[in-house]
């Protein structure tokens, strides 16, 4: 029943199915590659839409470097370390910086423009901005950068202790008013 032609037909069918499979697989791969490129282009456009150009710095500029390492107890510490002086300008908006003074942070490091901001020239800012900038550059206590600190709290802390106690008692009495028994309606 079996002859040579049957064997040849089986081989031809096998070769044809393999070729069809390979061609379909290549078409699927090409389609997938085109889809991936299309999605990557769309992602790049949406990412770059709101991205601004990196700031350029020269050798010798004073900058503050963003704290990138996370850990316990860093919530109340300044977000920026420094001041640092730019020692070398490298390619792709990266810089070698060296710490000025004895503030917290590494002595020398390499960082990109995304994580640094200018630290010098704070005399051109509003007084509140000057306090914030000095705190970020390590020249002022970060407590002054807190939103809860204002002129009223400074004056109250400078009052003599007796006056502070009187005000505290007066605030307590004021808070107790209205806490008494409810009046009942007849």
Protein backbone atom coordinates (compact mmCIF):
# COMPACT_ATOMS: atom_id res chain seq x y z
CA UNK A 1 0.00 0.00 0.00
CA UNK A 2 2.75 2.46 0.75
CA UNK A 3 4.96 3.51 -2.08
CA UNK A 4 7.57 6.19 -2.72
CA UNK A 5 5.06 8.81 -3.82
CA UNK A 6 3.26 8.70 -0.49
CA UNK A 7 6.53 9.36 1.30
CA UNK A 8 7.34 12.28 -1.04
CA UNK A 9 3.89 13.77 -0.53
CA UNK A 10 4.28 13.60 3.25
CA UNK A 11 7.69 15.30 3.01
CA UNK A 12 6.29 18.04 0.75
CA UNK A 13 3.40 18.69 3.14
CA UNK A 14 5.78 18.83 6.08
CA UNK A 15 8.07 21.31 4.30
CA UNK A 16 5.12 23.45 3.25
CA UNK A 17 3.67 23.63 6.78
CA UNK A 18 7.09 24.56 8.17
CA UNK A 19 7.47 27.34 5.57
CA UNK A 20 3.95 28.63 6.33
CA UNK A 21 4.68 28.57 10.04
CA UNK A 22 7.98 30.44 9.55
CA UNK A 23 6.41 33.08 7.31
CA UNK A 24 3.49 33.62 9.75
CA UNK A 25 5.90 33.86 12.67
CA UNK A 26 8.04 36.42 10.81
CA UNK A 27 4.93 38.46 9.98
CA UNK A 28 3.82 38.39 13.64
CA UNK A 29 7.31 39.45 14.78
CA UNK A 30 7.39 42.33 12.31
CA UNK A 31 3.92 43.46 13.38
CA UNK A 32 4.95 43.29 17.06
CA UNK A 33 8.13 45.26 16.36
CA UNK A 34 6.12 48.00 14.62
CA UNK A 35 3.64 48.14 17.53
CA UNK A 36 6.47 48.42 20.06
CA UNK A 37 8.12 51.23 18.08
CA UNK A 38 4.78 53.06 17.82
CA UNK A 39 4.15 52.81 21.58
CA UNK A 40 7.72 53.90 22.39
CA UNK A 41 7.36 56.96 20.17
CA UNK A 42 4.07 57.88 21.85
CA UNK A 43 5.61 57.43 25.32
CA UNK A 44 8.59 59.57 24.35
CA UNK A 45 6.35 62.35 23.02
CA UNK A 46 4.16 62.39 26.14
CA UNK A 47 7.22 62.32 28.45
CA UNK A 48 9.02 65.13 26.63
CA UNK A 49 5.90 67.27 26.35
CA UNK A 50 6.30 68.70 29.89
CA UNK A 51 10.04 68.21 30.26
CA UNK A 52 12.08 71.38 30.34
CA UNK A 53 15.63 71.89 29.15
CA UNK A 54 18.34 71.12 31.74
CA UNK A 55 20.08 74.08 33.36
CA UNK A 56 23.70 74.64 32.34
CA UNK A 57 26.36 75.30 34.96
CA UNK A 58 30.00 76.34 34.66
CA UNK A 59 33.02 75.29 36.66
CA UNK A 60 33.08 77.18 39.96
CA UNK A 61 29.31 77.66 40.31
CA UNK A 62 27.81 77.02 43.75
CA UNK A 63 24.94 74.53 43.69
CA UNK A 64 22.82 72.50 46.10
CA UNK A 65 22.57 68.74 45.45
CA UNK A 66 19.33 66.88 46.07
CA UNK A 67 19.39 64.20 48.76
CA UNK A 68 18.80 60.95 46.86
CA UNK A 69 19.33 58.35 49.57
CA UNK A 70 16.31 57.57 51.70
CA UNK A 71 16.37 56.36 55.27
CA UNK A 72 14.98 56.69 58.75
CA UNK A 73 14.89 60.16 60.29
CA UNK A 74 15.34 62.07 57.03
CA UNK A 75 11.82 63.49 56.91
CA UNK A 76 12.74 66.70 58.71
CA UNK A 77 16.20 67.13 57.18
CA UNK A 78 16.75 69.49 54.25
CA UNK A 79 15.99 68.06 50.82
CA UNK A 80 19.18 69.52 49.38
CA UNK A 81 22.77 69.12 50.56
CA UNK A 82 25.46 71.69 50.07
CA UNK A 83 26.64 74.11 49.02
CA UNK A 84 28.77 72.28 46.47
CA UNK A 85 31.14 73.80 43.94
CA UNK A 86 31.20 72.44 40.39
CA UNK A 87 34.68 71.09 39.70
CA UNK A 88 34.21 69.58 36.24
CA UNK A 89 31.54 69.77 33.55
CA UNK A 90 30.98 66.40 31.88
CA UNK A 91 28.85 65.28 28.96
CA UNK A 92 25.07 64.72 29.08
CA UNK A 93 24.46 67.40 31.73
CA UNK A 94 26.51 65.65 34.43
CA UNK A 95 28.88 67.40 36.80
CA UNK A 96 31.63 66.54 39.28
CA UNK A 97 31.00 68.56 42.45
CA UNK A 98 32.95 69.11 45.66
CA UNK A 99 31.44 70.11 49.01
CA UNK A 100 32.20 73.56 50.39
CA UNK A 101 32.63 73.62 54.17
CA UNK A 102 31.71 70.94 56.69
CA UNK A 103 28.02 70.41 55.97
CA UNK A 104 26.38 67.03 55.71
CA UNK A 105 26.92 65.05 52.51
CA UNK A 106 29.71 63.39 50.55
CA UNK A 107 32.93 65.35 50.02
CA UNK A 108 32.96 64.77 46.24
CA UNK A 109 30.32 63.26 44.01
CA UNK A 110 29.04 63.14 40.46
CA UNK A 111 25.49 64.27 39.79
CA UNK A 112 23.24 65.27 36.92
CA UNK A 113 21.55 68.61 36.26
CA UNK A 114 18.20 67.13 37.27
CA UNK A 115 19.31 66.84 40.91
CA UNK A 116 21.07 70.18 41.38
CA UNK A 117 19.99 73.79 41.58
CA UNK A 118 21.86 77.07 42.00
CA UNK A 119 22.83 77.95 45.54
CA UNK A 120 24.63 81.28 45.21
CA UNK A 121 23.18 84.70 44.51
CA UNK A 122 20.33 84.56 47.00
CA UNK A 123 20.32 88.32 47.48
CA UNK A 124 17.93 88.67 44.51
CA UNK A 125 15.14 86.76 46.24
CA UNK A 126 12.21 87.77 48.44
CA UNK A 127 13.09 87.50 52.18
CA UNK A 128 11.02 84.32 52.64
CA UNK A 129 12.70 82.79 49.60
CA UNK A 130 16.09 83.80 50.99
CA UNK A 131 15.38 81.91 54.23
CA UNK A 132 14.29 78.84 52.27
CA UNK A 133 17.31 79.01 49.94
CA UNK A 134 19.75 79.43 52.83
CA UNK A 135 18.17 76.48 54.64
CA UNK A 136 18.48 74.32 51.53
CA UNK A 137 22.11 75.32 51.11
CA UNK A 138 22.91 74.45 54.72
CA UNK A 139 23.54 78.05 55.75
CA UNK A 140 20.49 78.28 58.02
CA UNK A 141 18.60 75.94 60.28
CA UNK A 142 15.93 73.98 58.35
CA UNK A 143 13.44 74.74 61.15
CA UNK A 144 13.05 78.25 59.73
CA UNK A 145 11.95 76.67 56.47
CA UNK A 146 8.96 75.05 58.19
CA UNK A 147 5.53 76.40 57.17
CA UNK A 148 4.44 76.41 60.82
CA UNK A 149 7.04 78.95 61.82
CA UNK A 150 5.75 82.50 61.54
CA UNK A 151 6.19 85.89 63.17
CA UNK A 152 3.57 85.19 65.88
CA UNK A 153 5.34 82.09 67.12
CA UNK A 154 8.68 83.92 67.23
CA UNK A 155 7.24 86.77 69.33
CA UNK A 156 5.47 84.38 71.67
CA UNK A 157 8.66 82.43 72.30
CA UNK A 158 10.55 85.61 73.10
CA UNK A 159 8.05 86.64 75.81
CA UNK A 160 8.99 86.04 79.45
CA UNK A 161 7.87 82.72 80.88
CA UNK A 162 5.14 84.27 83.09
CA UNK A 163 3.46 85.95 80.13
CA UNK A 164 3.53 82.72 78.15
CA UNK A 165 1.82 80.89 81.04
CA UNK A 166 -0.87 83.58 81.28
CA UNK A 167 -1.62 83.30 77.59
CA UNK A 168 -1.75 79.53 77.80
CA UNK A 169 -4.21 79.63 80.71
CA UNK A 170 -6.34 82.22 78.90
CA UNK A 171 -6.48 79.99 75.81
CA UNK A 172 -7.59 77.04 77.95
CA UNK A 173 -10.35 79.09 79.60
CA UNK A 174 -11.51 80.34 76.25
CA UNK A 175 -11.69 76.78 74.95
CA UNK A 176 -13.76 75.64 77.95
CA UNK A 177 -16.48 78.20 77.36
CA UNK A 178 -19.52 76.54 75.93
CA UNK A 179 -18.52 73.13 77.24
CA UNK A 180 -20.80 73.36 80.28
CA UNK A 181 -24.17 71.69 80.76
CA UNK A 182 -26.62 71.95 77.96
CA UNK A 183 -29.60 74.10 78.54
CA UNK A 184 -32.82 72.16 78.41
CA UNK A 185 -35.91 73.56 76.78
CA UNK A 186 -39.10 73.68 78.81
